Amino acid sequence: MEIPGPAYRIQTQRLIVRCWHPSDAPLLSTAISQSLEHLQTWMPWAHREPKSLQQRIDWLREVRGEFDLNQNFLYGIFDLTEERVLGATGLHTRIGKDAFEIGYWVHADHINQGIASEAASALTRVAFEVHQAARVEIHCDPQNFRSAAVPRKLGFVHEATLRQRVEDQDGRKRDSMIWSLFATAYQASKAAAIELEAYDVIGRKLL
């Protein structure tokens, strides 16, 4: 079956979730700078911040290239005007064939507003309905209660907590919770109910 996607642009009730473009570098740098203390608690990559504007542009060019080549799908989370980055998310291809891992972070000023849940719901729909995935996973630190609340809310199943599996910025091993949702259970999940529109690279409607 030919995959009609990927979805380059997704619109939900409150969000634009779309493929990054190098021109987003200033907005992304601002969002990371304003959220850095919050991000460094859970995101090892945040300890390599701040990056220069040129470094940010170069990175966004890389992730856009991976997106265009169907290698990995990283998205920015924007408000409806696309004037502010509210966070980031992605459909990561690192967990095997016909499966995706959803990752996310949210701007410090917008936590506890359901942004991560809304974005993760949208990407769950895209994974199953556009990419025809067999399985979607969300991984998080057991101590990151806000992050763990997202898959729980959406109907993912907590399969296991793997001990000492993720290395932090100091080289220490942390535990990792594994949440999964299979295609056979997707239609009954809360993620399937989110209203959205999704479009391909030239603006053709996918969902």
Foldseek 3Di string as FASTA:
>chain_A
DDQPAQFQWKDFPWKIKGQFALVCLVQVLVLCVQALVVCQVFPQVSVVDDDDSVVSSVVSVVQNVCVVVVQWFKIFIATPVNPHTQWIWTFHPPPDPLETEIDIDGRPVCPPPCSVLLVVLVVVCSSCQRVVGFKYKYKGAPVPVSSVVNLVQFVWAFDDWAAQDDQHNVRGGGIMIITMDGSVCNCVTNSVVTDMWTAHPVGHTDD
